[in-house]
Amino acid sequence: MLVNIGSGKVDFAAVLARLKQVGFTHGPLIVECLARGPLESVKAAVTKVRQFLEQLTGQKA
């Protein structure tokens, strides 16, 4: 079962904080999968994930 970033058990704030500690301060951040469903549902999920990652990183896509 796929879940969207920000809605599962992974603490992405902690993951990104750790990456920053070891020098990963910029570069690509790729979302490889999203929960499946009707196209409109997937589009809404993409928007929500993008906003979540922008808030978390302080960067705009």
PDB file of N, CA and C in Angstrom:
ATOM      1  N   MET A   1       0.844  -1.185   0.000  1.00  0.00           N
ATOM      2  CA  MET A   1       0.000   0.000   0.000  1.00  0.00           C
ATOM      3  C   MET A   1       0.885   1.243   0.000  1.00  0.00           C
ATOM      4  N   LEU A   2       0.654   2.114  -0.930  1.00  0.00           N
ATOM      5  CA  LEU A   2       1.403   3.360  -1.010  1.00  0.00           C
ATOM      6  C   LEU A   2       0.676   4.443  -0.226  1.00  0.00           C
ATOM      7  N   VAL A   3       1.453   5.266   0.456  1.00  0.00           N
ATOM      8  CA  VAL A   3       0.893   6.436   1.125  1.00  0.00           C
ATOM      9  C   VAL A   3       1.656   7.654   0.648  1.00  0.00           C
ATOM     10  N   ASN A   4       1.034   8.780   0.734  1.00  0.00           N
ATOM     11  CA  ASN A   4       1.676  10.009   0.290  1.00  0.00           C
ATOM     12  C   ASN A   4       2.636  10.538   1.345  1.00  0.00           C
ATOM     13  N   ILE A   5       3.681  11.181   0.882  1.00  0.00           N
ATOM     14  CA  ILE A   5       4.658  11.773   1.787  1.00  0.00           C
ATOM     15  C   ILE A   5       3.938  12.727   2.734  1.00  0.00           C
ATOM     16  N   GLY A   6       4.260  12.596   4.013  1.00  0.00           N
ATOM     17  CA  GLY A   6       3.644  13.448   5.019  1.00  0.00           C
ATOM     18  C   GLY A   6       2.448  12.818   5.699  1.00  0.00           C
ATOM     19  N   SER A   7       1.985  11.678   5.174  1.00  0.00           N
ATOM     20  CA  SER A   7       0.820  11.041   5.784  1.00  0.00           C
ATOM     21  C   SER A   7       1.127   9.650   6.325  1.00  0.00           C
ATOM     22  N   GLY A   8       2.391   9.260   6.311  1.00  0.00           N
ATOM     23  CA  GLY A   8       2.779   7.948   6.814  1.00  0.00           C
ATOM     24  C   GLY A   8       3.537   8.045   8.124  1.00  0.00           C
ATOM     25  N   LYS A   9       4.334   7.023   8.410  1.00  0.00           N
ATOM     26  CA  LYS A   9       5.045   6.944   9.677  1.00  0.00           C
ATOM     27  C   LYS A   9       6.422   7.609   9.656  1.00  0.00           C
ATOM     28  N   VAL A  10       6.941   7.927   8.477  1.00  0.00           N
ATOM     29  CA  VAL A  10       8.274   8.518   8.377  1.00  0.00           C
ATOM     30  C   VAL A  10       8.246   9.969   8.843  1.00  0.00           C
ATOM     31  N   ASP A  11       9.184  10.320   9.697  1.00  0.00           N
ATOM     32  CA  ASP A  11       9.325  11.702  10.177  1.00  0.00           C
ATOM     33  C   ASP A  11      10.251  12.440   9.204  1.00  0.00           C
ATOM     34  N   PHE A  12       9.667  13.000   8.152  1.00  0.00           N
ATOM     35  CA  PHE A  12      10.474  13.635   7.118  1.00  0.00           C
ATOM     36  C   PHE A  12      11.218  14.864   7.629  1.00  0.00           C
ATOM     37  N   ALA A  13      10.681  15.546   8.605  1.00  0.00           N
ATOM     38  CA  ALA A  13      11.399  16.684   9.182  1.00  0.00           C
ATOM     39  C   ALA A  13      12.715  16.202   9.786  1.00  0.00           C
ATOM     40  N   ALA A  14      12.689  15.087  10.495  1.00  0.00           N
ATOM     41  CA  ALA A  14      13.903  14.534  11.093  1.00  0.00           C
ATOM     42  C   ALA A  14      14.865  14.022  10.022  1.00  0.00           C
ATOM     43  N   VAL A  15      14.338  13.384   9.001  1.00  0.00           N
ATOM     44  CA  VAL A  15      15.185  12.877   7.911  1.00  0.00           C
ATOM     45  C   VAL A  15      15.909  14.027   7.226  1.00  0.00           C
ATOM     46  N   LEU A  16      15.165  15.071   6.877  1.00  0.00           N
ATOM     47  CA  LEU A  16      15.784  16.207   6.192  1.00  0.00           C
ATOM     48  C   LEU A  16      16.733  16.965   7.112  1.00  0.00           C
ATOM     49  N   ALA A  17      16.428  17.037   8.390  1.00  0.00           N
ATOM     50  CA  ALA A  17      17.343  17.685   9.345  1.00  0.00           C
ATOM     51  C   ALA A  17      18.657  16.924   9.412  1.00  0.00           C
ATOM     52  N   ARG A  18      18.591  15.604   9.424  1.00  0.00           N
ATOM     53  CA  ARG A  18      19.809  14.787   9.467  1.00  0.00           C
ATOM     54  C   ARG A  18      20.621  14.950   8.189  1.00  0.00           C
ATOM     55  N   LEU A  19      19.952  14.963   7.056  1.00  0.00           N
ATOM     56  CA  LEU A  19      20.650  15.183   5.785  1.00  0.00           C
ATOM     57  C   LEU A  19      21.361  16.533   5.790  1.00  0.00           C
ATOM     58  N   LYS A  20      20.698  17.549   6.322  1.00  0.00           N
ATOM     59  CA  LYS A  20      21.297  18.876   6.403  1.00  0.00           C
ATOM     60  C   LYS A  20      22.539  18.854   7.301  1.00  0.00           C
ATOM     61  N   GLN A  21      22.476  18.105   8.414  1.00  0.00           N
ATOM     62  CA  GLN A  21      23.622  17.995   9.331  1.00  0.00           C
ATOM     63  C   GLN A  21      24.860  17.415   8.649  1.00  0.00           C
ATOM     64  N   VAL A  22      24.646  16.524   7.700  1.00  0.00           N
ATOM     65  CA  VAL A  22      25.794  15.883   7.037  1.00  0.00           C
ATOM     66  C   VAL A  22      26.159  16.564   5.722  1.00  0.00           C
ATOM     67  N   GLY A  23      25.590  17.746   5.478  1.00  0.00           N
ATOM     68  CA  GLY A  23      26.024  18.555   4.346  1.00  0.00           C
ATOM     69  C   GLY A  23      25.113  18.587   3.140  1.00  0.00           C
ATOM     70  N   PHE A  24      24.028  17.869   3.157  1.00  0.00           N
ATOM     71  CA  PHE A  24      23.096  17.907   2.025  1.00  0.00           C
ATOM     72  C   PHE A  24      22.159  19.083   2.238  1.00  0.00           C
ATOM     73  N   THR A  25      22.541  20.234   1.693  1.00  0.00           N
ATOM     74  CA  THR A  25      21.763  21.447   1.916  1.00  0.00           C
ATOM     75  C   THR A  25      21.013  21.910   0.671  1.00  0.00           C
ATOM     76  N   HIS A  26      21.308  21.306  -0.452  1.00  0.00           N
ATOM     77  CA  HIS A  26      20.561  21.616  -1.674  1.00  0.00           C
ATOM     78  C   HIS A  26      20.726  20.460  -2.649  1.00  0.00           C
ATOM     79  N   GLY A  27      19.892  20.443  -3.616  1.00  0.00           N
ATOM     80  CA  GLY A  27      19.928  19.371  -4.603  1.00  0.00           C
ATOM     81  C   GLY A  27      18.526  18.871  -4.859  1.00  0.00           C
ATOM     82  N   PRO A  28      18.408  17.941  -5.774  1.00  0.00           N
ATOM     83  CA  PRO A  28      17.068  17.457  -6.118  1.00  0.00           C
ATOM     84  C   PRO A  28      16.435  16.655  -4.993  1.00  0.00           C
ATOM     85  N   LEU A  29      15.145  16.797  -4.870  1.00  0.00           N
ATOM     86  CA  LEU A  29      14.343  16.013  -3.940  1.00  0.00           C
ATOM     87  C   LEU A  29      13.215  15.431  -4.780  1.00  0.00           C
ATOM     88  N   ILE A  30      13.241  14.132  -4.976  1.00  0.00           N
ATOM     89  CA  ILE A  30      12.334  13.485  -5.911  1.00  0.00           C
ATOM     90  C   ILE A  30      11.283  12.668  -5.172  1.00  0.00           C
ATOM     91  N   VAL A  31      10.032  12.864  -5.528  1.00  0.00           N
ATOM     92  CA  VAL A  31       8.934  12.059  -5.000  1.00  0.00           C
ATOM     93  C   VAL A  31       8.732  10.913  -5.986  1.00  0.00           C
ATOM     94  N   GLU A  32       9.000   9.697  -5.522  1.00  0.00           N
ATOM     95  CA  GLU A  32       8.958   8.546  -6.423  1.00  0.00           C
ATOM     96  C   GLU A  32       7.605   7.871  -6.512  1.00  0.00           C
ATOM     97  N   CYS A  33       6.777   8.027  -5.517  1.00  0.00           N
ATOM     98  CA  CYS A  33       5.490   7.335  -5.588  1.00  0.00           C
ATOM     99  C   CYS A  33       4.422   8.106  -4.818  1.00  0.00           C
ATOM    100  N   LEU A  34       3.211   7.879  -5.234  1.00  0.00           N
ATOM    101  CA  LEU A  34       2.034   8.451  -4.578  1.00  0.00           C
ATOM    102  C   LEU A  34       0.986   7.363  -4.487  1.00  0.00           C
ATOM    103  N   ALA A  35       0.055   7.532  -3.577  1.00  0.00           N
ATOM    104  CA  ALA A  35      -1.063   6.595  -3.494  1.00  0.00           C
ATOM    105  C   ALA A  35      -1.840   6.633  -4.812  1.00  0.00           C
ATOM    106  N   ARG A  36      -2.330   5.506  -5.204  1.00  0.00           N
ATOM    107  CA  ARG A  36      -3.066   5.414  -6.468  1.00  0.00           C
ATOM    108  C   ARG A  36      -4.516   5.817  -6.279  1.00  0.00           C
ATOM    109  N   GLY A  37      -5.120   6.194  -7.382  1.00  0.00           N
ATOM    110  CA  GLY A  37      -6.528   6.553  -7.354  1.00  0.00           C
ATOM    111  C   GLY A  37      -6.901   7.278  -8.626  1.00  0.00           C
ATOM    112  N   PRO A  38      -8.090   7.845  -8.654  1.00  0.00           N
ATOM    113  CA  PRO A  38      -8.525   8.616  -9.825  1.00  0.00           C
ATOM    114  C   PRO A  38      -7.578   9.794 -10.061  1.00  0.00           C
ATOM    115  N   LEU A  39      -7.480  10.225 -11.310  1.00  0.00           N
ATOM    116  CA  LEU A  39      -6.554  11.292 -11.691  1.00  0.00           C
ATOM    117  C   LEU A  39      -6.705  12.534 -10.822  1.00  0.00           C
ATOM    118  N   GLU A  40      -7.904  12.966 -10.551  1.00  0.00           N
ATOM    119  CA  GLU A  40      -8.115  14.173  -9.736  1.00  0.00           C
ATOM    120  C   GLU A  40      -7.579  13.973  -8.317  1.00  0.00           C
ATOM    121  N   SER A  41      -7.722  12.774  -7.797  1.00  0.00           N
ATOM    122  CA  SER A  41      -7.213  12.458  -6.465  1.00  0.00           C
ATOM    123  C   SER A  41      -5.680  12.496  -6.445  1.00  0.00           C
ATOM    124  N   VAL A  42      -5.074  11.963  -7.486  1.00  0.00           N
ATOM    125  CA  VAL A  42      -3.605  11.968  -7.585  1.00  0.00           C
ATOM    126  C   VAL A  42      -3.093  13.398  -7.744  1.00  0.00           C
ATOM    127  N   LYS A  43      -3.765  14.199  -8.562  1.00  0.00           N
ATOM    128  CA  LYS A  43      -3.368  15.603  -8.732  1.00  0.00           C
ATOM    129  C   LYS A  43      -3.444  16.352  -7.407  1.00  0.00           C
ATOM    130  N   ALA A  44      -4.501  16.114  -6.648  1.00  0.00           N
ATOM    131  CA  ALA A  44      -4.644  16.767  -5.343  1.00  0.00           C
ATOM    132  C   ALA A  44      -3.533  16.310  -4.396  1.00  0.00           C
ATOM    133  N   ALA A  45      -3.176  15.032  -4.459  1.00  0.00           N
ATOM    134  CA  ALA A  45      -2.103  14.503  -3.613  1.00  0.00           C
ATOM    135  C   ALA A  45      -0.760  15.126  -3.986  1.00  0.00           C
ATOM    136  N   VAL A  46      -0.508  15.284  -5.277  1.00  0.00           N
ATOM    137  CA  VAL A  46       0.741  15.902  -5.743  1.00  0.00           C
ATOM    138  C   VAL A  46       0.854  17.318  -5.190  1.00  0.00           C
ATOM    139  N   THR A  47      -0.218  18.065  -5.259  1.00  0.00           N
ATOM    140  CA  THR A  47      -0.216  19.437  -4.754  1.00  0.00           C
ATOM    141  C   THR A  47       0.048  19.459  -3.252  1.00  0.00           C
ATOM    142  N   LYS A  48      -0.608  18.585  -2.525  1.00  0.00           N
ATOM    143  CA  LYS A  48      -0.441  18.525  -1.078  1.00  0.00           C
ATOM    144  C   LYS A  48       0.994  18.133  -0.703  1.00  0.00           C
ATOM    145  N   VAL A  49       1.562  17.150  -1.403  1.00  0.00           N
ATOM    146  CA  VAL A  49       2.936  16.722  -1.136  1.00  0.00           C
ATOM    147  C   VAL A  49       3.915  17.849  -1.453  1.00  0.00           C
ATOM    148  N   ARG A  50       3.704  18.529  -2.587  1.00  0.00           N
ATOM    149  CA  ARG A  50       4.590  19.649  -2.949  1.00  0.00           C
ATOM    150  C   ARG A  50       4.552  20.729  -1.872  1.00  0.00           C
ATOM    151  N   GLN A  51       3.364  21.079  -1.415  1.00  0.00           N
ATOM    152  CA  GLN A  51       3.235  22.098  -0.377  1.00  0.00           C
ATOM    153  C   GLN A  51       3.892  21.640   0.930  1.00  0.00           C
ATOM    154  N   PHE A  52       3.734  20.377   1.280  1.00  0.00           N
ATOM    155  CA  PHE A  52       4.356  19.819   2.479  1.00  0.00           C
ATOM    156  C   PHE A  52       5.877  19.942   2.392  1.00  0.00           C
ATOM    157  N   LEU A  53       6.448  19.559   1.245  1.00  0.00           N
ATOM    158  CA  LEU A  53       7.906  19.616   1.090  1.00  0.00           C
ATOM    159  C   LEU A  53       8.415  21.053   1.024  1.00  0.00           C
ATOM    160  N   GLU A  54       7.667  21.952   0.402  1.00  0.00           N
ATOM    161  CA  GLU A  54       8.059  23.364   0.379  1.00  0.00           C
ATOM    162  C   GLU A  54       8.089  23.930   1.791  1.00  0.00           C
ATOM    163  N   GLN A  55       7.098  23.592   2.582  1.00  0.00           N
ATOM    164  CA  GLN A  55       7.044  24.073   3.964  1.00  0.00           C
ATOM    165  C   GLN A  55       8.210  23.488   4.770  1.00  0.00           C
ATOM    166  N   LEU A  56       8.467  22.223   4.565  1.00  0.00           N
ATOM    167  CA  LEU A  56       9.510  21.530   5.316  1.00  0.00           C
ATOM    168  C   LEU A  56      10.907  22.047   4.970  1.00  0.00           C
ATOM    169  N   THR A  57      11.136  22.339   3.689  1.00  0.00           N
ATOM    170  CA  THR A  57      12.466  22.752   3.257  1.00  0.00           C
ATOM    171  C   THR A  57      12.633  24.272   3.204  1.00  0.00           C
ATOM    172  N   GLY A  58      11.520  24.989   3.221  1.00  0.00           N
ATOM    173  CA  GLY A  58      11.612  26.443   3.088  1.00  0.00           C
ATOM    174  C   GLY A  58      11.930  26.892   1.677  1.00  0.00           C
ATOM    175  N   GLN A  59      11.739  25.987   0.719  1.00  0.00           N
ATOM    176  CA  GLN A  59      12.035  26.286  -0.680  1.00  0.00           C
ATOM    177  C   GLN A  59      10.788  26.065  -1.527  1.00  0.00           C
ATOM    178  N   LYS A  60      10.687  26.838  -2.590  1.00  0.00           N
ATOM    179  CA  LYS A  60       9.588  26.683  -3.542  1.00  0.00           C
ATOM    180  C   LYS A  60      10.065  25.825  -4.704  1.00  0.00           C
ATOM    181  N   ALA A  61       9.141  25.055  -5.255  1.00  0.00           N
ATOM    182  CA  ALA A  61       9.456  24.195  -6.414  1.00  0.00           C
ATOM    183  C   ALA A  61       9.703  25.045  -7.639  1.00  0.00           C
TER     184      ALA A  61
END
